[in-house]
Amino acid sequence: YVSTRDSWTSEMFAYITHGKCVPEVTPDPVFAFNQNAAEVLPTK
């Protein structure tokens, strides 16, 4: 499985693989931090 965090890196992979791998651009995991790990955070 391959995905990239930005379009520049997706274009890089497409260039290197001659179009065989054009990855989807997907979120950084911090975009899901409150869902995944909010319990580790201190109170305000």
PDB file of all heavy atoms in Angstrom:
ATOM      1  N   TYR A   1       0.867  -1.188   0.000  1.00  0.00           N
ATOM      2  CA  TYR A   1       0.000   0.000   0.000  1.00  0.00           C
ATOM      3  C   TYR A   1       0.900   1.232   0.000  1.00  0.00           C
ATOM      4  O   TYR A   1       1.927   1.253   0.680  1.00  0.00           O
ATOM      5  CB  TYR A   1      -0.895   0.018   1.252  1.00  0.00           C
ATOM      6  CG  TYR A   1      -1.671   1.306   1.437  1.00  0.00           C
ATOM      7  CD1 TYR A   1      -2.945   1.454   0.911  1.00  0.00           C
ATOM      8  CD2 TYR A   1      -1.113   2.384   2.141  1.00  0.00           C
ATOM      9  CE1 TYR A   1      -3.650   2.640   1.078  1.00  0.00           C
ATOM     10  CE2 TYR A   1      -1.812   3.569   2.305  1.00  0.00           C
ATOM     11  CZ  TYR A   1      -3.077   3.685   1.772  1.00  0.00           C
ATOM     12  OH  TYR A   1      -3.772   4.870   1.921  1.00  0.00           O
ATOM     13  N   VAL A   2       0.497   2.273  -0.755  1.00  0.00           N
ATOM     14  CA  VAL A   2       1.264   3.522  -0.804  1.00  0.00           C
ATOM     15  C   VAL A   2       0.305   4.712  -0.801  1.00  0.00           C
ATOM     16  O   VAL A   2      -0.648   4.760  -1.591  1.00  0.00           O
ATOM     17  CB  VAL A   2       2.155   3.620  -2.065  1.00  0.00           C
ATOM     18  CG1 VAL A   2       2.954   4.924  -2.040  1.00  0.00           C
ATOM     19  CG2 VAL A   2       3.084   2.435  -2.190  1.00  0.00           C
ATOM     20  N   SER A   3       0.565   5.664   0.076  1.00  0.00           N
ATOM     21  CA  SER A   3      -0.084   6.973  -0.017  1.00  0.00           C
ATOM     22  C   SER A   3       0.920   8.036   0.397  1.00  0.00           C
ATOM     23  O   SER A   3       1.909   7.739   1.080  1.00  0.00           O
ATOM     24  CB  SER A   3      -1.344   7.047   0.857  1.00  0.00           C
ATOM     25  OG  SER A   3      -1.015   7.082   2.234  1.00  0.00           O
ATOM     26  N   THR A   4       0.685   9.260  -0.026  1.00  0.00           N
ATOM     27  CA  THR A   4       1.594  10.355   0.295  1.00  0.00           C
ATOM     28  C   THR A   4       0.837  11.469   1.008  1.00  0.00           C
ATOM     29  O   THR A   4      -0.389  11.536   0.964  1.00  0.00           O
ATOM     30  CB  THR A   4       2.272  10.926  -0.961  1.00  0.00           C
ATOM     31  OG1 THR A   4       1.259  11.481  -1.824  1.00  0.00           O
ATOM     32  CG2 THR A   4       3.042   9.846  -1.710  1.00  0.00           C
ATOM     33  N   ARG A   5       1.587  12.338   1.662  1.00  0.00           N
ATOM     34  CA  ARG A   5       0.978  13.408   2.452  1.00  0.00           C
ATOM     35  C   ARG A   5       0.755  14.679   1.645  1.00  0.00           C
ATOM     36  O   ARG A   5       0.044  15.585   2.087  1.00  0.00           O
ATOM     37  CB  ARG A   5       1.874  13.700   3.666  1.00  0.00           C
ATOM     38  CG  ARG A   5       1.221  14.491   4.766  1.00  0.00           C
ATOM     39  CD  ARG A   5       2.079  14.539   6.007  1.00  0.00           C
ATOM     40  NE  ARG A   5       3.362  15.213   5.781  1.00  0.00           N
ATOM     41  CZ  ARG A   5       4.300  15.350   6.722  1.00  0.00           C
ATOM     42  NH1 ARG A   5       4.108  14.848   7.919  1.00  0.00           N
ATOM     43  NH2 ARG A   5       5.436  15.973   6.453  1.00  0.00           N
ATOM     44  N   ASP A   6       1.366  14.752   0.465  1.00  0.00           N
ATOM     45  CA  ASP A   6       1.261  15.961  -0.349  1.00  0.00           C
ATOM     46  C   ASP A   6       1.367  15.589  -1.817  1.00  0.00           C
ATOM     47  O   ASP A   6       1.848  14.518  -2.187  1.00  0.00           O
ATOM     48  CB  ASP A   6       2.353  16.964   0.034  1.00  0.00           C
ATOM     49  CG  ASP A   6       3.748  16.343  -0.015  1.00  0.00           C
ATOM     50  OD1 ASP A   6       4.290  16.219  -1.125  1.00  0.00           O
ATOM     51  OD2 ASP A   6       4.278  15.963   1.046  1.00  0.00           O
ATOM     52  N   SER A   7       0.898  16.491  -2.660  1.00  0.00           N
ATOM     53  CA  SER A   7       0.854  16.223  -4.099  1.00  0.00           C
ATOM     54  C   SER A   7       2.257  16.170  -4.707  1.00  0.00           C
ATOM     55  O   SER A   7       2.484  15.435  -5.675  1.00  0.00           O
ATOM     56  CB  SER A   7       0.015  17.290  -4.809  1.00  0.00           C
ATOM     57  OG  SER A   7       0.480  18.596  -4.504  1.00  0.00           O
ATOM     58  N   TRP A   8       3.211  16.926  -4.147  1.00  0.00           N
ATOM     59  CA  TRP A   8       4.580  16.903  -4.669  1.00  0.00           C
ATOM     60  C   TRP A   8       5.167  15.495  -4.580  1.00  0.00           C
ATOM     61  O   TRP A   8       5.777  15.002  -5.535  1.00  0.00           O
ATOM     62  CB  TRP A   8       5.458  17.887  -3.898  1.00  0.00           C
ATOM     63  CG  TRP A   8       6.888  17.968  -4.368  1.00  0.00           C
ATOM     64  CD1 TRP A   8       7.956  17.260  -3.899  1.00  0.00           C
ATOM     65  CD2 TRP A   8       7.410  18.797  -5.420  1.00  0.00           C
ATOM     66  NE1 TRP A   8       9.109  17.600  -4.571  1.00  0.00           N
ATOM     67  CE2 TRP A   8       8.801  18.541  -5.509  1.00  0.00           C
ATOM     68  CE3 TRP A   8       6.840  19.738  -6.274  1.00  0.00           C
ATOM     69  CZ2 TRP A   8       9.611  19.203  -6.430  1.00  0.00           C
ATOM     70  CZ3 TRP A   8       7.656  20.393  -7.181  1.00  0.00           C
ATOM     71  CH2 TRP A   8       9.021  20.122  -7.262  1.00  0.00           C
ATOM     72  N   THR A   9       4.967  14.828  -3.452  1.00  0.00           N
ATOM     73  CA  THR A   9       5.510  13.483  -3.269  1.00  0.00           C
ATOM     74  C   THR A   9       4.772  12.475  -4.134  1.00  0.00           C
ATOM     75  O   THR A   9       5.379  11.534  -4.665  1.00  0.00           O
ATOM     76  CB  THR A   9       5.447  13.081  -1.783  1.00  0.00           C
ATOM     77  OG1 THR A   9       6.076  14.102  -0.998  1.00  0.00           O
ATOM     78  CG2 THR A   9       6.157  11.753  -1.542  1.00  0.00           C
ATOM     79  N   SER A  10       3.474  12.664  -4.318  1.00  0.00           N
ATOM     80  CA  SER A  10       2.717  11.790  -5.219  1.00  0.00           C
ATOM     81  C   SER A  10       3.245  11.914  -6.646  1.00  0.00           C
ATOM     82  O   SER A  10       3.434  10.910  -7.348  1.00  0.00           O
ATOM     83  CB  SER A  10       1.225  12.157  -5.180  1.00  0.00           C
ATOM     84  OG  SER A  10       0.478  11.311  -6.012  1.00  0.00           O
ATOM     85  N   GLU A  11       3.515  13.137  -7.067  1.00  0.00           N
ATOM     86  CA  GLU A  11       4.079  13.363  -8.407  1.00  0.00           C
ATOM     87  C   GLU A  11       5.479  12.767  -8.516  1.00  0.00           C
ATOM     88  O   GLU A  11       5.868  12.245  -9.569  1.00  0.00           O
ATOM     89  CB  GLU A  11       4.103  14.860  -8.701  1.00  0.00           C
ATOM     90  CG  GLU A  11       2.720  15.469  -8.893  1.00  0.00           C
ATOM     91  CD  GLU A  11       2.735  16.990  -8.838  1.00  0.00           C
ATOM     92  OE1 GLU A  11       3.840  17.583  -8.830  1.00  0.00           O
ATOM     93  OE2 GLU A  11       1.638  17.591  -8.789  1.00  0.00           O
ATOM     94  N   MET A  12       6.252  12.828  -7.437  1.00  0.00           N
ATOM     95  CA  MET A  12       7.588  12.236  -7.410  1.00  0.00           C
ATOM     96  C   MET A  12       7.525  10.725  -7.634  1.00  0.00           C
ATOM     97  O   MET A  12       8.283  10.171  -8.432  1.00  0.00           O
ATOM     98  CB  MET A  12       8.258  12.544  -6.065  1.00  0.00           C
ATOM     99  CG  MET A  12       9.540  11.777  -5.797  1.00  0.00           C
ATOM    100  SD  MET A  12      10.263  12.275  -4.204  1.00  0.00           S
ATOM    101  CE  MET A  12      11.265  10.839  -3.819  1.00  0.00           C
ATOM    102  N   PHE A  13       6.603  10.046  -6.942  1.00  0.00           N
ATOM    103  CA  PHE A  13       6.479   8.600  -7.103  1.00  0.00           C
ATOM    104  C   PHE A  13       6.011   8.235  -8.513  1.00  0.00           C
ATOM    105  O   PHE A  13       6.476   7.253  -9.095  1.00  0.00           O
ATOM    106  CB  PHE A  13       5.516   8.040  -6.052  1.00  0.00           C
ATOM    107  CG  PHE A  13       6.168   7.748  -4.730  1.00  0.00           C
ATOM    108  CD1 PHE A  13       7.106   8.612  -4.188  1.00  0.00           C
ATOM    109  CD2 PHE A  13       5.853   6.608  -4.020  1.00  0.00           C
ATOM    110  CE1 PHE A  13       7.723   8.353  -2.972  1.00  0.00           C
ATOM    111  CE2 PHE A  13       6.453   6.326  -2.805  1.00  0.00           C
ATOM    112  CZ  PHE A  13       7.388   7.200  -2.276  1.00  0.00           C
ATOM    113  N   ALA A  14       5.088   9.018  -9.051  1.00  0.00           N
ATOM    114  CA  ALA A  14       4.622   8.772 -10.416  1.00  0.00           C
ATOM    115  C   ALA A  14       5.766   8.933 -11.411  1.00  0.00           C
ATOM    116  O   ALA A  14       5.907   8.144 -12.356  1.00  0.00           O
ATOM    117  CB  ALA A  14       3.480   9.725 -10.755  1.00  0.00           C
ATOM    118  N   TYR A  15       6.601   9.931 -11.187  1.00  0.00           N
ATOM    119  CA  TYR A  15       7.741  10.189 -12.071  1.00  0.00           C
ATOM    120  C   TYR A  15       8.758   9.053 -11.989  1.00  0.00           C
ATOM    121  O   TYR A  15       9.234   8.557 -13.022  1.00  0.00           O
ATOM    122  CB  TYR A  15       8.388  11.512 -11.672  1.00  0.00           C
ATOM    123  CG  TYR A  15       9.590  11.919 -12.494  1.00  0.00           C
ATOM    124  CD1 TYR A  15       9.435  12.521 -13.744  1.00  0.00           C
ATOM    125  CD2 TYR A  15      10.889  11.713 -12.017  1.00  0.00           C
ATOM    126  CE1 TYR A  15      10.538  12.905 -14.493  1.00  0.00           C
ATOM    127  CE2 TYR A  15      12.000  12.093 -12.756  1.00  0.00           C
ATOM    128  CZ  TYR A  15      11.820  12.680 -13.995  1.00  0.00           C
ATOM    129  OH  TYR A  15      12.921  13.053 -14.732  1.00  0.00           O
ATOM    130  N   ILE A  16       9.083   8.638 -10.774  1.00  0.00           N
ATOM    131  CA  ILE A  16      10.100   7.603 -10.584  1.00  0.00           C
ATOM    132  C   ILE A  16       9.648   6.256 -11.143  1.00  0.00           C
ATOM    133  O   ILE A  16      10.450   5.506 -11.714  1.00  0.00           O
ATOM    134  CB  ILE A  16      10.444   7.480  -9.083  1.00  0.00           C
ATOM    135  CG1 ILE A  16      11.242   8.711  -8.632  1.00  0.00           C
ATOM    136  CG2 ILE A  16      11.247   6.206  -8.784  1.00  0.00           C
ATOM    137  CD1 ILE A  16      11.438   8.803  -7.137  1.00  0.00           C
ATOM    138  N   THR A  17       8.356   5.954 -10.996  1.00  0.00           N
ATOM    139  CA  THR A  17       7.836   4.640 -11.427  1.00  0.00           C
ATOM    140  C   THR A  17       7.260   4.677 -12.842  1.00  0.00           C
ATOM    141  O   THR A  17       6.644   3.708 -13.284  1.00  0.00           O
ATOM    142  CB  THR A  17       6.754   4.140 -10.467  1.00  0.00           C
ATOM    143  OG1 THR A  17       5.631   5.035 -10.511  1.00  0.00           O
ATOM    144  CG2 THR A  17       7.280   4.036  -9.037  1.00  0.00           C
ATOM    145  N   HIS A  18       7.439   5.791 -13.541  1.00  0.00           N
ATOM    146  CA  HIS A  18       6.916   5.936 -14.912  1.00  0.00           C
ATOM    147  C   HIS A  18       5.408   5.691 -14.960  1.00  0.00           C
ATOM    148  O   HIS A  18       4.883   5.048 -15.875  1.00  0.00           O
ATOM    149  CB  HIS A  18       7.642   4.987 -15.873  1.00  0.00           C
ATOM    150  CG  HIS A  18       9.132   5.140 -15.858  1.00  0.00           C
ATOM    151  ND1 HIS A  18       9.784   6.183 -16.489  1.00  0.00           N
ATOM    152  CD2 HIS A  18      10.104   4.393 -15.262  1.00  0.00           C
ATOM    153  CE1 HIS A  18      11.094   6.074 -16.288  1.00  0.00           C
ATOM    154  NE2 HIS A  18      11.311   4.990 -15.548  1.00  0.00           N
ATOM    155  N   GLY A  19       4.720   6.208 -13.938  1.00  0.00           N
ATOM    156  CA  GLY A  19       3.264   6.143 -13.921  1.00  0.00           C
ATOM    157  C   GLY A  19       2.676   4.862 -13.353  1.00  0.00           C
ATOM    158  O   GLY A  19       1.445   4.735 -13.266  1.00  0.00           O
ATOM    159  N   LYS A  20       3.529   3.925 -12.949  1.00  0.00           N
ATOM    160  CA  LYS A  20       2.993   2.654 -12.410  1.00  0.00           C
ATOM    161  C   LYS A  20       2.397   2.848 -11.011  1.00  0.00           C
ATOM    162  O   LYS A  20       1.500   2.120 -10.614  1.00  0.00           O
ATOM    163  CB  LYS A  20       4.100   1.592 -12.354  1.00  0.00           C
ATOM    164  CG  LYS A  20       4.699   1.208 -13.706  1.00  0.00           C
ATOM    165  CD  LYS A  20       5.561  -0.030 -13.602  1.00  0.00           C
ATOM    166  CE  LYS A  20       6.788   0.134 -12.717  1.00  0.00           C
ATOM    167  NZ  LYS A  20       7.802   1.057 -13.245  1.00  0.00           N
ATOM    168  N   CYS A  21       2.930   3.810 -10.262  1.00  0.00           N
ATOM    169  CA  CYS A  21       2.444   4.086  -8.902  1.00  0.00           C
ATOM    170  C   CYS A  21       2.145   5.581  -8.791  1.00  0.00           C
ATOM    171  O   CYS A  21       3.067   6.404  -8.795  1.00  0.00           O
ATOM    172  CB  CYS A  21       3.479   3.669  -7.858  1.00  0.00           C
ATOM    173  SG  CYS A  21       3.012   4.068  -6.146  1.00  0.00           S
ATOM    174  N   VAL A  22       0.852   5.906  -8.745  1.00  0.00           N
ATOM    175  CA  VAL A  22       0.425   7.298  -8.559  1.00  0.00           C
ATOM    176  C   VAL A  22      -0.369   7.334  -7.252  1.00  0.00           C
ATOM    177  O   VAL A  22      -1.578   7.125  -7.241  1.00  0.00           O
ATOM    178  CB  VAL A  22      -0.433   7.792  -9.736  1.00  0.00           C
ATOM    179  CG1 VAL A  22      -0.767   9.279  -9.562  1.00  0.00           C
ATOM    180  CG2 VAL A  22       0.281   7.553 -11.065  1.00  0.00           C
ATOM    181  N   PRO A  23       0.305   7.571  -6.129  1.00  0.00           N
ATOM    182  CA  PRO A  23      -0.351   7.419  -4.830  1.00  0.00           C
ATOM    183  C   PRO A  23      -1.446   8.440  -4.571  1.00  0.00           C
ATOM    184  O   PRO A  23      -1.388   9.586  -5.020  1.00  0.00           O
ATOM    185  CB  PRO A  23       0.797   7.612  -3.830  1.00  0.00           C
ATOM    186  CG  PRO A  23       2.050   7.447  -4.621  1.00  0.00           C
ATOM    187  CD  PRO A  23       1.727   7.911  -5.998  1.00  0.00           C
ATOM    188  N   GLU A  24      -2.437   8.005  -3.819  1.00  0.00           N
ATOM    189  CA  GLU A  24      -3.453   8.912  -3.297  1.00  0.00           C
ATOM    190  C   GLU A  24      -2.811   9.798  -2.238  1.00  0.00           C
ATOM    191  O   GLU A  24      -1.932   9.364  -1.495  1.00  0.00           O
ATOM    192  CB  GLU A  24      -4.591   8.105  -2.672  1.00  0.00           C
ATOM    193  CG  GLU A  24      -5.706   8.949  -2.076  1.00  0.00           C
ATOM    194  CD  GLU A  24      -6.760   8.119  -1.369  1.00  0.00           C
ATOM    195  OE1 GLU A  24      -6.552   6.894  -1.209  1.00  0.00           O
ATOM    196  OE2 GLU A  24      -7.783   8.703  -0.954  1.00  0.00           O
ATOM    197  N   VAL A  25      -3.238  11.054  -2.167  1.00  0.00           N
ATOM    198  CA  VAL A  25      -2.767  11.961  -1.119  1.00  0.00           C
ATOM    199  C   VAL A  25      -3.696  11.817   0.082  1.00  0.00           C
ATOM    200  O   VAL A  25      -4.915  11.977  -0.040  1.00  0.00           O
ATOM    201  CB  VAL A  25      -2.734  13.418  -1.612  1.00  0.00           C
ATOM    202  CG1 VAL A  25      -2.297  14.352  -0.495  1.00  0.00           C
ATOM    203  CG2 VAL A  25      -1.793  13.552  -2.814  1.00  0.00           C
ATOM    204  N   THR A  26      -3.118  11.482   1.229  1.00  0.00           N
ATOM    205  CA  THR A  26      -3.905  11.182   2.427  1.00  0.00           C
ATOM    206  C   THR A  26      -3.442  12.035   3.615  1.00  0.00           C
ATOM    207  O   THR A  26      -2.342  12.586   3.601  1.00  0.00           O
ATOM    208  CB  THR A  26      -3.782   9.684   2.782  1.00  0.00           C
ATOM    209  OG1 THR A  26      -2.395   9.332   2.872  1.00  0.00           O
ATOM    210  CG2 THR A  26      -4.478   8.821   1.739  1.00  0.00           C
ATOM    211  N   PRO A  27      -4.269  12.121   4.662  1.00  0.00           N
ATOM    212  CA  PRO A  27      -3.967  13.041   5.767  1.00  0.00           C
ATOM    213  C   PRO A  27      -2.807  12.602   6.643  1.00  0.00           C
ATOM    214  O   PRO A  27      -2.525  11.414   6.796  1.00  0.00           O
ATOM    215  CB  PRO A  27      -5.268  13.038   6.596  1.00  0.00           C
ATOM    216  CG  PRO A  27      -6.320  12.536   5.665  1.00  0.00           C
ATOM    217  CD  PRO A  27      -5.628  11.566   4.759  1.00  0.00           C
ATOM    218  N   ASP A  28      -2.165  13.587   7.235  1.00  0.00           N
ATOM    219  CA  ASP A  28      -1.241  13.358   8.338  1.00  0.00           C
ATOM    220  C   ASP A  28      -2.060  12.824   9.518  1.00  0.00           C
ATOM    221  O   ASP A  28      -3.171  13.293   9.779  1.00  0.00           O
ATOM    222  CB  ASP A  28      -0.566  14.679   8.712  1.00  0.00           C
ATOM    223  CG  ASP A  28       0.489  14.532   9.786  1.00  0.00           C
ATOM    224  OD1 ASP A  28       0.106  14.297  10.955  1.00  0.00           O
ATOM    225  OD2 ASP A  28       1.685  14.650   9.483  1.00  0.00           O
ATOM    226  N   PRO A  29      -1.546  11.833  10.274  1.00  0.00           N
ATOM    227  CA  PRO A  29      -2.313  11.267  11.391  1.00  0.00           C
ATOM    228  C   PRO A  29      -2.693  12.253  12.490  1.00  0.00           C
ATOM    229  O   PRO A  29      -3.599  11.965  13.276  1.00  0.00           O
ATOM    230  CB  PRO A  29      -1.386  10.175  11.927  1.00  0.00           C
ATOM    231  CG  PRO A  29      -0.560   9.771  10.749  1.00  0.00           C
ATOM    232  CD  PRO A  29      -0.327  11.052   9.993  1.00  0.00           C
ATOM    233  N   VAL A  30      -2.023  13.404  12.561  1.00  0.00           N
ATOM    234  CA  VAL A  30      -2.405  14.403  13.562  1.00  0.00           C
ATOM    235  C   VAL A  30      -3.809  14.932  13.288  1.00  0.00           C
ATOM    236  O   VAL A  30      -4.491  15.402  14.208  1.00  0.00           O
ATOM    237  CB  VAL A  30      -1.361  15.538  13.629  1.00  0.00           C
ATOM    238  CG1 VAL A  30      -1.832  16.685  14.527  1.00  0.00           C
ATOM    239  CG2 VAL A  30      -0.038  14.997  14.163  1.00  0.00           C
ATOM    240  N   PHE A  31      -4.288  14.820  12.056  1.00  0.00           N
ATOM    241  CA  PHE A  31      -5.662  15.208  11.744  1.00  0.00           C
ATOM    242  C   PHE A  31      -6.683  14.303  12.433  1.00  0.00           C
ATOM    243  O   PHE A  31      -7.881  14.594  12.404  1.00  0.00           O
ATOM    244  CB  PHE A  31      -5.900  15.187  10.232  1.00  0.00           C
ATOM    245  CG  PHE A  31      -5.468  16.444   9.527  1.00  0.00           C
ATOM    246  CD1 PHE A  31      -4.354  16.444   8.702  1.00  0.00           C
ATOM    247  CD2 PHE A  31      -6.172  17.630   9.678  1.00  0.00           C
ATOM    248  CE1 PHE A  31      -3.947  17.600   8.039  1.00  0.00           C
ATOM    249  CE2 PHE A  31      -5.780  18.786   9.028  1.00  0.00           C
ATOM    250  CZ  PHE A  31      -4.666  18.775   8.204  1.00  0.00           C
ATOM    251  N   ALA A  32      -6.229  13.225  13.054  1.00  0.00           N
ATOM    252  CA  ALA A  32      -7.123  12.321  13.791  1.00  0.00           C
ATOM    253  C   ALA A  32      -6.695  12.163  15.244  1.00  0.00           C
ATOM    254  O   ALA A  32      -7.133  11.233  15.919  1.00  0.00           O
ATOM    255  CB  ALA A  32      -7.160  10.957  13.104  1.00  0.00           C
ATOM    256  N   PHE A  33      -5.861  13.066  15.739  1.00  0.00           N
ATOM    257  CA  PHE A  33      -5.293  12.868  17.074  1.00  0.00           C
ATOM    258  C   PHE A  33      -6.357  12.846  18.163  1.00  0.00           C
ATOM    259  O   PHE A  33      -6.307  12.005  19.076  1.00  0.00           O
ATOM    260  CB  PHE A  33      -4.247  13.938  17.399  1.00  0.00           C
ATOM    261  CG  PHE A  33      -3.446  13.605  18.622  1.00  0.00           C
ATOM    262  CD1 PHE A  33      -2.292  12.851  18.517  1.00  0.00           C
ATOM    263  CD2 PHE A  33      -3.860  13.998  19.897  1.00  0.00           C
ATOM    264  CE1 PHE A  33      -1.555  12.493  19.645  1.00  0.00           C
ATOM    265  CE2 PHE A  33      -3.138  13.654  21.028  1.00  0.00           C
ATOM    266  CZ  PHE A  33      -1.982  12.897  20.900  1.00  0.00           C
ATOM    267  N   ASN A  34      -7.313  13.751  18.109  1.00  0.00           N
ATOM    268  CA  ASN A  34      -8.327  13.798  19.170  1.00  0.00           C
ATOM    269  C   ASN A  34      -9.167  12.527  19.192  1.00  0.00           C
ATOM    270  O   ASN A  34      -9.592  12.079  20.261  1.00  0.00           O
ATOM    271  CB  ASN A  34      -9.223  15.024  18.995  1.00  0.00           C
ATOM    272  CG  ASN A  34      -8.460  16.325  19.204  1.00  0.00           C
ATOM    273  OD1 ASN A  34      -7.368  16.339  19.748  1.00  0.00           O
ATOM    274  ND2 ASN A  34      -9.046  17.422  18.748  1.00  0.00           N
ATOM    275  N   GLN A  35      -9.405  11.951  18.038  1.00  0.00           N
ATOM    276  CA  GLN A  35     -10.110  10.672  17.970  1.00  0.00           C
ATOM    277  C   GLN A  35      -9.263   9.540  18.541  1.00  0.00           C
ATOM    278  O   GLN A  35      -9.759   8.681  19.271  1.00  0.00           O
ATOM    279  CB  GLN A  35     -10.469  10.350  16.510  1.00  0.00           C
ATOM    280  CG  GLN A  35     -10.925   8.916  16.272  1.00  0.00           C
ATOM    281  CD  GLN A  35     -10.972   8.560  14.800  1.00  0.00           C
ATOM    282  OE1 GLN A  35     -11.956   8.845  14.131  1.00  0.00           O
ATOM    283  NE2 GLN A  35      -9.912   7.937  14.288  1.00  0.00           N
ATOM    284  N   ASN A  36      -7.975   9.548  18.220  1.00  0.00           N
ATOM    285  CA  ASN A  36      -7.117   8.406  18.528  1.00  0.00           C
ATOM    286  C   ASN A  36      -6.477   8.449  19.912  1.00  0.00           C
ATOM    287  O   ASN A  36      -6.268   7.403  20.533  1.00  0.00           O
ATOM    288  CB  ASN A  36      -5.994   8.297  17.480  1.00  0.00           C
ATOM    289  CG  ASN A  36      -6.524   7.973  16.091  1.00  0.00           C
ATOM    290  OD1 ASN A  36      -7.663   7.531  15.933  1.00  0.00           O
ATOM    291  ND2 ASN A  36      -5.693   8.195  15.080  1.00  0.00           N
ATOM    292  N   ALA A  37      -6.134   9.638  20.397  1.00  0.00           N
ATOM    293  CA  ALA A  37      -5.271   9.683  21.582  1.00  0.00           C
ATOM    294  C   ALA A  37      -5.531  10.862  22.517  1.00  0.00           C
ATOM    295  O   ALA A  37      -4.651  11.236  23.304  1.00  0.00           O
ATOM    296  CB  ALA A  37      -3.805   9.693  21.148  1.00  0.00           C
ATOM    297  N   ALA A  38      -6.716  11.439  22.490  1.00  0.00           N
ATOM    298  CA  ALA A  38      -6.988  12.626  23.314  1.00  0.00           C
ATOM    299  C   ALA A  38      -6.829  12.359  24.809  1.00  0.00           C
ATOM    300  O   ALA A  38      -6.552  13.281  25.586  1.00  0.00           O
ATOM    301  CB  ALA A  38      -8.400  13.151  23.037  1.00  0.00           C
ATOM    302  N   GLU A  39      -6.958  11.107  25.202  1.00  0.00           N
ATOM    303  CA  GLU A  39      -6.890  10.783  26.632  1.00  0.00           C
ATOM    304  C   GLU A  39      -5.514  11.050  27.243  1.00  0.00           C
ATOM    305  O   GLU A  39      -5.370  11.128  28.467  1.00  0.00           O
ATOM    306  CB  GLU A  39      -7.283   9.318  26.866  1.00  0.00           C
ATOM    307  CG  GLU A  39      -6.372   8.287  26.239  1.00  0.00           C
ATOM    308  CD  GLU A  39      -6.713   7.980  24.784  1.00  0.00           C
ATOM    309  OE1 GLU A  39      -7.607   8.658  24.220  1.00  0.00           O
ATOM    310  OE2 GLU A  39      -6.081   7.067  24.217  1.00  0.00           O
ATOM    311  N   VAL A  40      -4.469  11.204  26.410  1.00  0.00           N
ATOM    312  CA  VAL A  40      -3.120  11.445  26.953  1.00  0.00           C
ATOM    313  C   VAL A  40      -2.874  12.929  27.223  1.00  0.00           C
ATOM    314  O   VAL A  40      -1.847  13.288  27.809  1.00  0.00           O
ATOM    315  CB  VAL A  40      -2.025  10.917  25.996  1.00  0.00           C
ATOM    316  CG1 VAL A  40      -2.254   9.451  25.661  1.00  0.00           C
ATOM    317  CG2 VAL A  40      -1.927  11.765  24.723  1.00  0.00           C
ATOM    318  N   LEU A  41      -3.788  13.795  26.806  1.00  0.00           N
ATOM    319  CA  LEU A  41      -3.563  15.237  26.905  1.00  0.00           C
ATOM    320  C   LEU A  41      -3.903  15.752  28.304  1.00  0.00           C
ATOM    321  O   LEU A  41      -4.832  15.263  28.949  1.00  0.00           O
ATOM    322  CB  LEU A  41      -4.422  15.971  25.872  1.00  0.00           C
ATOM    323  CG  LEU A  41      -4.132  15.634  24.411  1.00  0.00           C
ATOM    324  CD1 LEU A  41      -5.162  16.301  23.498  1.00  0.00           C
ATOM    325  CD2 LEU A  41      -2.721  16.063  24.014  1.00  0.00           C
ATOM    326  N   PRO A  42      -3.169  16.758  28.776  1.00  0.00           N
ATOM    327  CA  PRO A  42      -3.494  17.366  30.076  1.00  0.00           C
ATOM    328  C   PRO A  42      -4.764  18.194  29.976  1.00  0.00           C
ATOM    329  O   PRO A  42      -5.190  18.569  28.879  1.00  0.00           O
ATOM    330  CB  PRO A  42      -2.279  18.256  30.353  1.00  0.00           C
ATOM    331  CG  PRO A  42      -1.783  18.635  28.989  1.00  0.00           C
ATOM    332  CD  PRO A  42      -2.022  17.416  28.127  1.00  0.00           C
ATOM    333  N   THR A  43      -5.377  18.487  31.107  1.00  0.00           N
ATOM    334  CA  THR A  43      -6.539  19.369  31.098  1.00  0.00           C
ATOM    335  C   THR A  43      -6.091  20.796  30.803  1.00  0.00           C
ATOM    336  O   THR A  43      -4.937  21.169  31.053  1.00  0.00           O
ATOM    337  CB  THR A  43      -7.264  19.345  32.445  1.00  0.00           C
ATOM    338  OG1 THR A  43      -6.396  19.901  33.453  1.00  0.00           O
ATOM    339  CG2 THR A  43      -7.667  17.925  32.830  1.00  0.00           C
ATOM    340  N   LYS A  44      -7.034  21.593  30.300  1.00  0.00           N
ATOM    341  CA  LYS A  44      -6.716  22.982  29.981  1.00  0.00           C
ATOM    342  C   LYS A  44      -6.274  23.741  31.230  1.00  0.00           C
ATOM    343  O   LYS A  44      -5.280  24.481  31.212  1.00  0.00           O
ATOM    344  CB  LYS A  44      -7.929  23.660  29.353  1.00  0.00           C
ATOM    345  CG  LYS A  44      -7.673  25.106  28.936  1.00  0.00           C
ATOM    346  CD  LYS A  44      -8.882  25.712  28.243  1.00  0.00           C
ATOM    347  CE  LYS A  44      -8.583  27.146  27.795  1.00  0.00           C
ATOM    348  NZ  LYS A  44      -9.744  27.748  27.082  1.00  0.00           N
TER     349      LYS A  44
END
